[in-house]
Protein backbone atom coordinates (compact mmCIF):
# COMPACT_ATOMS: atom_id res chain seq x y z
CA MET A 1 26.74 -26.55 34.60
CA SER A 2 26.21 -24.70 37.83
CA SER A 3 28.65 -23.75 40.53
CA ALA A 4 28.20 -22.16 43.91
CA ASN A 5 29.30 -18.72 42.79
CA THR A 6 26.75 -18.61 39.95
CA LEU A 7 23.71 -19.71 41.97
CA ALA A 8 21.36 -16.98 43.17
CA GLY A 9 20.68 -16.62 46.89
CA PRO A 10 17.91 -15.12 49.05
CA ARG A 11 18.79 -11.55 48.14
CA GLU A 12 18.56 -12.23 44.41
CA TRP A 13 15.14 -13.89 44.75
CA THR A 14 13.89 -10.98 46.87
CA ALA A 15 15.19 -8.57 44.24
CA LEU A 16 13.21 -10.54 41.65
CA ALA A 17 9.99 -9.69 43.50
CA VAL A 18 10.84 -5.99 43.15
CA LEU A 19 11.70 -6.34 39.46
CA VAL A 20 8.35 -7.99 38.77
CA LEU A 21 6.42 -4.98 40.11
CA PRO A 22 6.83 -2.82 36.97
CA VAL A 23 5.75 -5.79 34.85
CA VAL A 24 2.59 -6.25 36.90
CA LEU A 25 1.90 -2.52 36.78
CA ILE A 26 2.15 -2.23 33.00
CA SER A 27 -0.01 -5.32 32.53
CA VAL A 28 -2.65 -3.95 34.91
CA ASP A 29 -2.52 -0.63 33.07
CA MET A 30 -3.08 -2.37 29.76
CA THR A 31 -6.15 -4.37 30.81
CA VAL A 32 -7.62 -1.63 33.00
CA LEU A 33 -7.56 0.80 30.10
CA GLY A 34 -9.43 -1.68 27.92
CA PHE A 35 -12.24 -1.79 30.45
CA ALA A 36 -12.27 2.00 30.69
CA VAL A 37 -12.86 2.44 26.94
CA PRO A 38 -16.68 2.61 27.23
CA ALA A 39 -16.50 5.20 30.03
CA LEU A 40 -13.88 7.18 28.12
CA SER A 41 -16.05 7.18 25.02
CA GLU A 42 -19.02 8.59 26.89
CA ASP A 43 -17.12 11.18 28.94
CA LEU A 44 -14.53 12.56 26.49
CA ASP A 45 -16.48 11.80 23.29
CA PRO A 46 -13.41 10.88 21.20
CA THR A 47 -13.60 10.14 17.49
CA SER A 48 -12.82 6.59 16.39
CA GLY A 49 -9.29 7.70 15.44
CA GLN A 50 -8.75 9.45 18.79
CA LEU A 51 -9.96 6.36 20.65
CA LEU A 52 -7.42 4.18 18.86
CA TRP A 53 -4.68 6.72 19.65
CA ILE A 54 -5.70 6.80 23.34
CA VAL A 55 -5.30 3.04 23.47
CA ASP A 56 -2.17 2.55 21.39
CA VAL A 57 -0.10 5.77 21.41
CA TYR A 58 1.44 4.52 24.67
CA GLY A 59 2.60 1.33 23.00
CA PHE A 60 3.95 3.03 19.90
CA VAL A 61 5.97 5.67 21.74
CA LEU A 62 7.22 3.00 24.12
CA ALA A 63 8.18 0.67 21.27
CA GLY A 64 9.97 3.47 19.45
CA LEU A 65 12.10 4.28 22.52
CA LEU A 66 12.70 0.82 23.99
CA VAL A 67 15.90 0.18 22.07
CA THR A 68 17.20 3.63 22.97
CA MET A 69 16.36 3.13 26.64
CA GLY A 70 17.94 -0.32 26.66
CA ALA A 71 21.16 1.14 25.29
CA LEU A 72 20.95 4.07 27.72
CA GLY A 73 20.54 1.70 30.66
CA ASP A 74 23.65 -0.20 29.57
CA ARG A 75 25.53 3.10 29.76
CA ILE A 76 24.20 5.00 32.80
CA GLY A 77 23.13 2.00 34.88
CA ARG A 78 19.98 -0.10 34.56
CA ARG A 79 18.83 0.44 38.14
CA ARG A 80 19.30 4.21 37.83
CA LEU A 81 17.25 4.28 34.63
CA LEU A 82 14.55 2.17 36.25
CA MET A 83 14.24 4.62 39.14
CA MET A 84 14.11 7.63 36.82
CA GLY A 85 11.43 5.94 34.73
CA SER A 86 9.39 5.02 37.81
CA ALA A 87 9.25 8.64 38.97
CA ALA A 88 8.31 9.87 35.48
CA PHE A 89 5.65 7.15 35.10
CA GLY A 90 3.97 8.25 38.31
CA ALA A 91 3.92 11.90 37.21
CA ALA A 92 2.46 11.05 33.78
CA SER A 93 -0.21 8.89 35.45
CA LEU A 94 -1.40 11.94 37.38
CA VAL A 95 -1.79 13.91 34.15
CA ALA A 96 -3.72 11.06 32.51
CA ALA A 97 -6.03 10.60 35.49
CA PHE A 98 -7.28 14.18 35.33
CA ALA A 99 -7.20 14.73 31.55
CA PRO A 100 -10.09 17.03 30.56
CA SER A 101 -10.19 16.08 26.87
CA ALA A 102 -9.26 13.31 24.46
CA GLU A 103 -6.33 15.37 23.17
CA VAL A 104 -4.83 15.81 26.64
CA LEU A 105 -5.28 12.11 27.40
CA ILE A 106 -3.46 11.19 24.18
CA ILE A 107 -0.55 13.45 25.20
CA ALA A 108 -0.52 11.96 28.72
CA ARG A 109 -0.50 8.44 27.29
CA ALA A 110 2.43 9.40 25.05
CA LEU A 111 4.32 10.66 28.12
CA LEU A 112 3.53 7.37 29.86
CA GLY A 113 5.08 5.64 26.86
CA VAL A 114 8.28 7.65 27.22
CA ALA A 115 8.52 6.76 30.92
CA GLY A 116 7.42 3.16 30.40
CA ALA A 117 10.18 2.63 27.83
CA SER A 118 12.72 2.83 30.65
CA LEU A 119 10.98 0.25 32.83
CA MET A 120 10.79 -2.97 30.83
CA PRO A 121 14.33 -3.30 29.37
CA SER A 122 15.76 -2.41 32.78
CA THR A 123 13.85 -5.16 34.61
CA LEU A 124 14.74 -7.93 32.17
CA SER A 125 18.39 -6.89 31.81
CA LEU A 126 18.82 -6.61 35.60
CA LEU A 127 17.31 -10.08 35.85
CA ARG A 128 19.78 -11.39 33.26
CA ASN A 129 22.71 -10.13 35.32
CA THR A 130 21.25 -11.40 38.60
CA PHE A 131 20.53 -15.02 37.61
CA LEU A 132 23.50 -16.55 35.78
CA ASP A 133 22.58 -20.21 36.14
CA ASP A 134 20.49 -21.32 33.14
CA ARG A 135 17.81 -23.15 35.10
CA GLN A 136 17.53 -20.51 37.79
CA ARG A 137 17.30 -17.84 35.10
CA LEU A 138 14.52 -19.69 33.29
CA LEU A 139 12.58 -20.00 36.54
CA ALA A 140 13.15 -16.30 37.24
CA ILE A 141 11.93 -15.45 33.73
CA ALA A 142 8.85 -17.62 34.37
CA VAL A 143 8.13 -15.51 37.46
CA TRP A 144 8.81 -12.35 35.46
CA ALA A 145 6.56 -13.48 32.61
CA SER A 146 3.82 -14.55 35.00
CA GLY A 147 3.81 -10.95 36.22
CA PHE A 148 2.20 -10.01 32.91
CA SER A 149 -0.52 -12.60 33.39
CA ALA A 150 -0.97 -11.84 37.08
CA GLY A 151 -1.36 -8.15 36.31
CA ALA A 152 -3.76 -8.92 33.50
CA ALA A 153 -5.80 -11.09 35.88
CA LEU A 154 -5.82 -8.39 38.53
CA GLY A 155 -6.59 -5.64 36.02
CA PRO A 156 -10.17 -6.65 35.14
CA ILE A 157 -11.15 -7.12 38.80
CA LEU A 158 -9.45 -3.96 39.99
CA GLY A 159 -10.60 -2.00 36.95
CA GLY A 160 -14.17 -3.24 37.24
CA TRP A 161 -14.33 -2.27 40.90
CA LEU A 162 -12.79 1.15 40.27
CA LEU A 163 -15.08 1.91 37.32
CA GLU A 164 -18.18 0.96 39.30
CA HIS A 165 -17.23 3.23 42.21
CA PHE A 166 -15.07 6.00 40.73
CA SER A 167 -14.42 7.84 37.47
CA TRP A 168 -12.31 6.36 34.68
CA GLY A 169 -9.33 8.48 35.85
CA SER A 170 -8.95 6.21 38.86
CA VAL A 171 -7.48 3.48 36.61
CA PHE A 172 -4.37 5.63 36.24
CA LEU A 173 -4.10 6.58 39.90
CA VAL A 174 -3.45 2.94 40.87
CA ASN A 175 0.02 3.37 39.37
CA LEU A 176 1.15 5.78 42.08
CA PRO A 177 1.47 3.39 45.07
CA VAL A 178 3.46 0.90 42.97
CA MET A 179 5.83 3.62 41.81
CA ALA A 180 6.35 4.71 45.41
CA VAL A 181 7.24 1.15 46.48
CA LEU A 182 9.69 0.84 43.58
CA LEU A 183 11.50 4.06 44.42
CA VAL A 184 12.02 2.87 48.01
CA ALA A 185 12.82 -0.81 47.38
CA LEU A 186 15.10 -0.59 44.33
CA PRO A 187 18.12 1.00 46.10
CA LEU A 188 17.79 -1.44 49.00
CA LEU A 189 17.44 -4.74 47.14
CA VAL A 190 18.56 -4.44 43.53
CA ARG A 191 22.23 -4.04 42.65
CA GLU A 192 23.29 -1.68 39.91
CA SER A 193 24.70 -3.09 36.67
CA ARG A 194 25.92 -1.59 33.41
CA ASP A 195 28.02 -2.41 30.37
CA PRO A 196 31.67 -1.73 31.29
CA SER A 197 32.49 -0.67 27.69
CA PRO A 198 29.22 0.62 26.24
CA GLY A 199 30.54 2.94 23.53
CA ARG A 200 28.85 6.11 22.30
CA LEU A 201 25.07 6.51 22.05
CA ASP A 202 24.23 7.47 18.46
CA PRO A 203 21.59 10.27 18.36
CA LEU A 204 20.82 9.71 14.67
CA SER A 205 19.90 6.08 15.37
CA VAL A 206 17.47 7.27 18.03
CA VAL A 207 15.82 9.64 15.54
CA LEU A 208 15.69 6.93 12.85
CA SER A 209 14.03 4.44 15.22
CA LEU A 210 11.21 6.91 15.88
CA ALA A 211 11.05 7.94 12.21
CA THR A 212 10.48 4.29 11.36
CA MET A 213 7.72 3.64 13.85
CA LEU A 214 5.43 6.65 13.96
CA PRO A 215 4.84 7.44 10.25
CA ALA A 216 4.26 3.80 9.33
CA VAL A 217 1.78 3.21 12.13
CA TYR A 218 -0.09 6.44 11.45
CA ALA A 219 -0.38 5.40 7.80
CA ILE A 220 -1.84 2.02 8.76
CA LYS A 221 -4.42 3.69 10.98
CA GLU A 222 -5.38 6.18 8.26
CA LEU A 223 -5.70 3.50 5.58
CA ALA A 224 -7.97 1.43 7.84
CA ALA A 225 -10.17 4.31 9.02
CA HIS A 226 -10.47 6.30 5.77
CA ASP A 227 -10.24 5.95 2.01
CA PRO A 228 -6.73 5.34 0.60
CA SER A 229 -4.81 8.58 0.14
CA LEU A 230 -1.44 9.69 -1.19
CA THR A 231 -0.60 11.09 2.25
CA ALA A 232 -1.09 7.72 3.93
CA PHE A 233 0.94 5.83 1.33
CA GLY A 234 3.64 8.50 1.48
CA LEU A 235 3.94 8.17 5.26
CA LEU A 236 4.09 4.40 4.98
CA ALA A 237 6.88 4.65 2.42
CA ALA A 238 8.72 7.17 4.63
CA GLY A 239 8.56 4.83 7.63
CA LEU A 240 9.82 1.84 5.65
CA THR A 241 12.63 3.92 4.14
CA ALA A 242 13.70 5.16 7.58
CA GLY A 243 13.66 1.56 8.80
CA ALA A 244 15.96 0.45 5.99
CA VAL A 245 18.37 3.32 6.72
CA PHE A 246 18.25 2.46 10.44
CA VAL A 247 19.25 -1.17 9.80
CA ARG A 248 22.09 -0.16 7.45
CA ARG A 249 23.40 2.31 10.01
CA GLN A 250 23.39 -0.30 12.78
CA ARG A 251 25.52 -2.59 10.62
CA ALA A 252 28.07 0.17 10.04
CA LEU A 253 28.36 1.59 13.56
CA PRO A 254 31.06 0.28 15.94
CA ASP A 255 28.59 0.76 18.83
CA PRO A 256 25.12 0.19 17.34
CA LEU A 257 21.85 0.93 19.05
CA ILE A 258 20.73 -2.61 18.15
CA ASP A 259 23.29 -5.40 17.98
CA VAL A 260 22.14 -6.98 14.71
CA ASN A 261 24.58 -9.84 15.26
CA LEU A 262 22.14 -11.21 17.83
CA PHE A 263 19.77 -12.01 14.96
CA ARG A 264 22.30 -14.42 13.49
CA SER A 265 21.00 -16.87 16.08
CA ARG A 266 17.98 -18.65 14.61
CA THR A 267 16.59 -19.29 18.09
CA PHE A 268 16.88 -15.60 19.00
CA SER A 269 15.20 -14.43 15.78
CA VAL A 270 12.31 -16.88 15.97
CA ALA A 271 11.79 -16.13 19.68
CA VAL A 272 11.57 -12.38 18.99
CA ALA A 273 9.14 -12.93 16.10
CA THR A 274 7.03 -15.25 18.26
CA ASN A 275 6.83 -12.66 21.04
CA LEU A 276 5.63 -10.06 18.55
CA VAL A 277 2.91 -12.30 17.12
CA MET A 278 1.70 -13.50 20.52
CA VAL A 279 1.32 -10.00 21.94
CA PHE A 280 -0.08 -8.73 18.62
CA SER A 281 -2.99 -11.14 18.97
CA LEU A 282 -3.38 -11.08 22.77
CA VAL A 283 -3.60 -7.29 23.17
CA ALA A 284 -5.95 -6.99 20.20
CA SER A 285 -8.23 -9.60 21.78
CA LEU A 286 -8.38 -7.62 25.04
CA PHE A 287 -9.25 -4.48 23.03
CA PHE A 288 -12.32 -5.99 21.38
CA LEU A 289 -13.41 -8.57 24.00
CA THR A 290 -13.78 -5.98 26.77
CA GLN A 291 -16.07 -3.92 24.52
CA TYR A 292 -18.00 -7.00 23.39
CA LEU A 293 -18.64 -8.13 26.96
CA GLN A 294 -19.73 -4.71 28.23
CA LEU A 295 -21.44 -3.08 25.26
CA VAL A 296 -22.78 -6.09 23.33
CA LEU A 297 -23.57 -8.55 26.12
CA ASP A 298 -24.35 -5.68 28.55
CA LEU A 299 -22.21 -7.00 31.42
CA SER A 300 -20.96 -4.68 34.14
CA PRO A 301 -17.19 -3.97 34.13
CA MET A 302 -16.76 -6.25 37.16
CA ARG A 303 -18.62 -9.19 35.60
CA ALA A 304 -16.85 -8.67 32.29
CA GLY A 305 -13.57 -8.86 34.16
CA PHE A 306 -14.47 -12.15 35.80
CA VAL A 307 -15.20 -13.68 32.37
CA LEU A 308 -11.56 -13.10 31.39
CA VAL A 309 -9.94 -13.94 34.72
CA PRO A 310 -9.92 -17.78 34.30
CA GLY A 311 -7.85 -17.48 31.14
CA LEU A 312 -5.43 -15.05 32.73
CA VAL A 313 -4.98 -17.30 35.76
CA VAL A 314 -4.33 -20.23 33.41
CA SER A 315 -1.61 -18.12 31.78
CA VAL A 316 0.13 -17.62 35.15
CA VAL A 317 0.17 -21.37 35.79
CA ALA A 318 1.30 -22.09 32.23
CA SER A 319 4.40 -19.91 32.72
CA PHE A 320 5.67 -22.31 35.38
CA VAL A 321 4.51 -25.47 33.57
CA ALA A 322 6.62 -24.33 30.62
CA VAL A 323 9.77 -24.63 32.76
CA ARG A 324 9.13 -28.34 33.35
CA LEU A 325 8.06 -28.99 29.76
CA SER A 326 11.25 -27.40 28.47
CA ARG A 327 13.30 -30.09 30.22
CA ARG A 328 11.41 -32.94 28.54
CA LEU A 329 10.30 -31.61 25.15
CA SER A 330 12.08 -29.76 22.37
CA LEU A 331 11.80 -25.99 22.02
CA ALA A 332 10.02 -26.47 18.68
CA ALA A 333 7.42 -28.76 20.23
CA VAL A 334 6.57 -26.49 23.16
CA VAL A 335 6.53 -23.19 21.25
CA GLY A 336 4.83 -24.60 18.13
CA GLY A 337 2.24 -26.45 20.21
CA SER A 338 1.58 -23.38 22.35
CA LEU A 339 0.93 -21.21 19.31
CA THR A 340 -1.43 -23.84 17.90
CA VAL A 341 -3.44 -23.74 21.15
CA THR A 342 -3.64 -19.95 20.94
CA SER A 343 -4.81 -20.12 17.33
CA SER A 344 -7.61 -22.52 18.30
CA GLY A 345 -8.77 -20.05 20.94
CA PHE A 346 -9.20 -17.30 18.35
CA ALA A 347 -11.04 -19.73 16.08
CA LEU A 348 -13.50 -20.41 18.91
CA LEU A 349 -14.21 -16.68 19.34
CA VAL A 350 -15.67 -16.60 15.83
CA LEU A 351 -18.70 -18.45 17.25
CA ALA A 352 -19.68 -15.65 19.67
CA SER A 353 -23.01 -13.96 18.90
CA PRO A 354 -24.66 -10.69 19.97
CA GLY A 355 -28.01 -12.16 21.03
CA ALA A 356 -27.14 -14.77 23.66
CA PRO A 357 -25.37 -13.24 26.70
CA ALA A 358 -24.80 -16.49 28.61
CA ALA A 359 -23.54 -18.42 25.59
CA GLY A 360 -21.46 -15.47 24.41
CA ALA A 361 -19.77 -15.09 27.79
CA LEU A 362 -19.04 -18.83 27.93
CA ILE A 363 -17.49 -18.80 24.43
CA VAL A 364 -15.37 -15.78 25.32
CA ALA A 365 -14.21 -17.40 28.58
CA ALA A 366 -13.23 -20.65 26.83
CA GLY A 367 -11.68 -18.98 23.78
CA PHE A 368 -9.67 -16.52 25.80
CA ALA A 369 -8.51 -19.31 28.15
CA LEU A 370 -7.00 -21.12 25.16
CA VAL A 371 -5.40 -17.90 23.91
CA ALA A 372 -3.90 -17.19 27.34
CA LEU A 373 -2.77 -20.80 27.87
CA GLY A 374 -0.75 -20.81 24.68
CA SER A 375 0.67 -17.36 25.43
CA GLY A 376 1.78 -18.35 28.92
CA LEU A 377 3.54 -21.50 27.71
CA ALA A 378 5.38 -19.83 24.84
CA GLU A 379 6.29 -16.58 26.58
CA THR A 380 8.57 -18.07 29.23
CA LEU A 381 10.61 -20.10 26.76
CA THR A 382 10.96 -17.39 24.13
CA ASN A 383 12.20 -14.87 26.70
CA GLY A 384 14.52 -17.48 28.19
CA ALA A 385 15.96 -18.19 24.74
CA ILE A 386 16.44 -14.49 24.03
CA MET A 387 18.27 -13.79 27.27
CA SER A 388 20.40 -16.96 27.07
CA ALA A 389 21.63 -15.88 23.64
CA ALA A 390 22.95 -12.56 24.97
CA PRO A 391 26.13 -12.05 27.03
CA PRO A 392 25.55 -10.13 30.29
CA GLU A 393 27.18 -6.93 29.00
CA ARG A 394 24.62 -6.82 26.14
CA ALA A 395 21.66 -7.68 28.36
CA GLY A 396 20.14 -4.23 27.92
CA ALA A 397 20.27 -4.49 24.14
CA ALA A 398 18.82 -8.01 24.09
CA SER A 399 16.05 -7.22 26.56
CA ALA A 400 15.26 -4.02 24.63
CA ILE A 401 14.82 -6.06 21.44
CA SER A 402 12.59 -8.51 23.33
CA GLU A 403 10.50 -5.73 24.82
CA THR A 404 10.34 -3.89 21.50
CA ALA A 405 8.78 -7.02 20.03
CA TYR A 406 6.30 -7.06 22.92
CA GLU A 407 5.32 -3.43 22.66
CA LEU A 408 5.41 -3.26 18.88
CA GLY A 409 3.25 -6.38 18.76
CA GLY A 410 0.78 -4.90 21.24
CA ALA A 411 0.63 -1.57 19.46
CA LEU A 412 0.29 -3.16 16.02
CA GLY A 413 -2.38 -5.51 17.37
CA VAL A 414 -4.57 -2.58 18.37
CA ALA A 415 -3.68 -0.49 15.31
CA VAL A 416 -4.03 -3.20 12.67
CA LEU A 417 -6.72 -5.50 14.07
CA GLY A 418 -8.39 -2.60 15.88
CA SER A 419 -8.49 -0.66 12.62
CA VAL A 420 -9.83 -3.69 10.75
CA LEU A 421 -12.54 -4.02 13.40
CA THR A 422 -13.36 -0.31 13.13
CA ALA A 423 -13.51 -0.45 9.32
CA SER A 424 -15.75 -3.53 9.41
CA TYR A 425 -18.01 -1.94 12.05
CA ARG A 426 -18.37 1.28 10.06
CA ALA A 427 -19.08 -0.59 6.81
CA ASP A 428 -21.75 -2.79 8.43
CA LEU A 429 -23.50 0.11 10.16
CA ALA A 430 -24.27 2.04 6.96
CA ALA A 431 -27.97 2.65 7.62
CA VAL A 432 -30.74 1.57 10.00
CA ASP A 433 -34.40 1.63 8.97
CA GLY A 434 -36.36 4.32 10.79
CA VAL A 435 -33.27 5.93 12.35
CA PRO A 436 -32.07 9.39 11.19
CA GLN A 437 -28.88 9.15 9.15
CA SER A 438 -27.24 11.81 11.34
CA ALA A 439 -27.69 9.53 14.38
CA VAL A 440 -26.28 6.57 12.45
CA GLU A 441 -23.23 8.63 11.49
CA ARG A 442 -22.55 9.44 15.14
CA ALA A 443 -23.00 5.78 16.08
CA ARG A 444 -20.49 4.70 13.42
CA GLU A 445 -17.61 6.41 15.23
CA THR A 446 -17.35 3.89 18.10
CA LEU A 447 -19.56 1.32 19.80
CA GLY A 448 -19.47 3.49 22.93
CA GLY A 449 -20.73 6.38 20.82
CA ALA A 450 -23.51 4.19 19.48
CA THR A 451 -24.57 3.36 23.05
CA GLN A 452 -24.80 7.04 23.91
CA THR A 453 -26.64 7.94 20.69
CA ALA A 454 -29.13 5.09 21.16
CA ALA A 455 -29.85 6.26 24.72
CA GLU A 456 -30.51 9.78 23.46
CA LEU A 457 -32.92 8.53 20.78
CA GLY A 458 -34.78 6.18 23.11
CA GLY A 459 -37.80 4.09 22.18
CA THR A 460 -37.89 1.80 19.16
CA GLU A 461 -35.39 3.92 17.20
CA GLY A 462 -32.80 3.71 19.94
CA ALA A 463 -33.30 -0.04 20.38
CA ASP A 464 -32.98 -0.67 16.64
CA LEU A 465 -29.82 1.43 16.39
CA MET A 466 -28.24 -0.36 19.34
CA ALA A 467 -29.11 -3.81 17.97
CA ALA A 468 -27.63 -2.91 14.59
CA ALA A 469 -24.46 -1.52 16.22
CA GLN A 470 -24.03 -4.63 18.39
CA SER A 471 -24.47 -6.88 15.36
CA ALA A 472 -21.98 -4.84 13.31
CA PHE A 473 -19.41 -4.93 16.11
CA THR A 474 -19.78 -8.70 16.56
CA THR A 475 -19.27 -9.23 12.82
CA GLY A 476 -16.10 -7.15 13.01
CA MET A 477 -14.95 -9.17 16.03
CA HIS A 478 -15.45 -12.39 14.04
CA LEU A 479 -13.28 -11.02 11.24
CA THR A 480 -10.46 -9.89 13.54
CA SER A 481 -10.54 -13.19 15.44
CA ALA A 482 -10.24 -15.14 12.19
CA ILE A 483 -7.30 -12.99 11.07
CA ALA A 484 -5.58 -13.47 14.43
CA ALA A 485 -6.11 -17.25 14.23
CA VAL A 486 -4.44 -17.40 10.81
CA VAL A 487 -1.52 -15.15 11.85
CA VAL A 488 -0.81 -17.19 15.00
CA LEU A 489 -1.12 -20.50 13.15
CA ALA A 490 1.41 -19.28 10.57
CA SER A 491 3.75 -18.41 13.43
CA ALA A 492 3.26 -21.93 14.85
CA VAL A 493 4.33 -23.47 11.53
CA GLN A 494 7.39 -21.19 11.52
CA ALA A 495 8.33 -22.31 15.03
CA TRP A 496 7.91 -26.00 14.21
CA LEU A 497 10.16 -25.69 11.14
CA LEU A 498 12.84 -23.23 12.26
CA LEU A 499 13.29 -24.32 15.88
CA ARG A 500 13.63 -28.00 15.06
CA GLY A 501 16.80 -29.31 16.68
CA GLN A 502 17.33 -26.14 18.74
CA ALA A 503 17.95 -26.63 22.47
CA GLY A 504 15.68 -24.85 24.94
CA PRO A 505 17.08 -22.35 27.45
CA ALA A 506 17.07 -24.95 30.24
CA GLN A 507 18.77 -27.52 28.01
CA ALA A 508 21.39 -25.27 26.44
CA PRO A 509 25.05 -25.67 27.25
CA GLY A 510 26.26 -23.56 30.13
CA THR A 511 26.07 -19.91 29.24
CA GLN A 512 27.03 -18.61 32.61
CA ASN A 513 29.43 -15.75 32.50
CA SER A 514 31.39 -14.37 35.34
CA ARG A 515 29.75 -11.48 37.08
CA THR A 516 32.75 -9.35 36.31
CA SER A 517 31.64 -9.08 32.67
CA SER A 518 29.04 -6.55 33.75
CA THR A 519 30.06 -4.01 36.33
CA SER A 520 28.10 -4.01 39.53
CA GLU A 521 28.09 -1.99 42.68
CA PRO A 522 26.73 -2.68 46.16
CA SER A 523 23.28 -1.27 46.66
CA HIS A 524 23.92 -0.45 50.30
CA PRO A 525 26.86 -0.44 52.70
CA GLY A 526 28.19 -3.90 53.19
CA GLY A 527 26.49 -5.24 50.06
CA THR A 528 28.29 -7.68 47.84
CA THR A 529 28.32 -8.12 44.11
CA ALA A 530 25.29 -10.05 42.85
């Protein structure tokens, strides 16, 4: 299968280290923000809706633009787009770090989403055109995927330390050194690549992709946080209609924004769906577990971070174990089994209680370890399958679809399960004996708001309000964990059935393509084509 001219050398493996940096950064940013939610709630005093937007507007804007950015990178050069996005991400991080209000932070997070949309498709598509040998590519994807887990493991420790010594804005400032390294190292180590015949970028498709995402998500958030309304249902219908028009247009265009023909591959389609479900559940778990550990079990940010670290480290190791398993077991067995493990982790989280800190922390550590183990095993193989199905000249489009599934899953996880948690919390915290109803209403906005209100009340009233809020939040966490367990288990059944007989990315027939199928240029004088 392999020949000397398709095997990667020292330069390619060094370039991989650079391409993993944006992955680590975004993963750190995701977990750090989760730990900053309590501090944000106290300082900026956001409403429950604003808090959800602070957390997930980044993911939604990013998901809406990923396909566009993937297509743009194919046209102008993936390395060039990655450098432009790195500079913009650093600038937006500065705005977020010093945001004076919840509204400004939401805008800054949206700008981070615009910049972040250029980072992820570029890294994965550059990787696809750097590693042409199937087994080397799968190993490189394992390293790339482990960057998510490594960043997530670093995030709680780094975030906990920062939040104990500095303001919440410091969690955004950590982005700046990484962006600086990227801007210096990319031109030196990573070769440019682009689609030699990319066609025209369709502006209407770009508009339709955003018109699909934003109205539908806003409607879901409104329906979860408030009573059903015609406005919410109208926005949901508008988003679904725009999505249908978007798909029809892609089928008709000679140069579509999304190559729908890629979905004719069963392996590709199931891998994309699996990525969405895995991130949907994983990101949602980080959203509610960080609050549970800090505001229900009363752990410091640093200690809360250490409770989650074992699972995140397990996920890093699992990414590399998946490479060896893929050579011995079928794709259906590894992916289906991994999803089953993840589902069992969510089922275990249903046992966590608000009144036993030691037992609660132990259950969270064990449950999250199972969730992360399954995620780490499945993630490497699904991404390997996605990239193996795409020719090098369409690497940007394929990686954009993969990353859209990631970001859409993460954003929907917070929006849907986060909204379910919020609705359950608000319903459970209807009244507390002896506590003024006005105080209860303030506490119903967020658990962080309840902590602040209880501290202001003090005495028995404050203690009773806090106990009721912690109990209501834990009940909501049980509900969201159960929903996540069912969703992931359904995805496991899908993988077992639909991937049966499908070869894994390390077992597939040679898919190497000559490097001339995607134009490349030396990254420095004397450089050679990757």
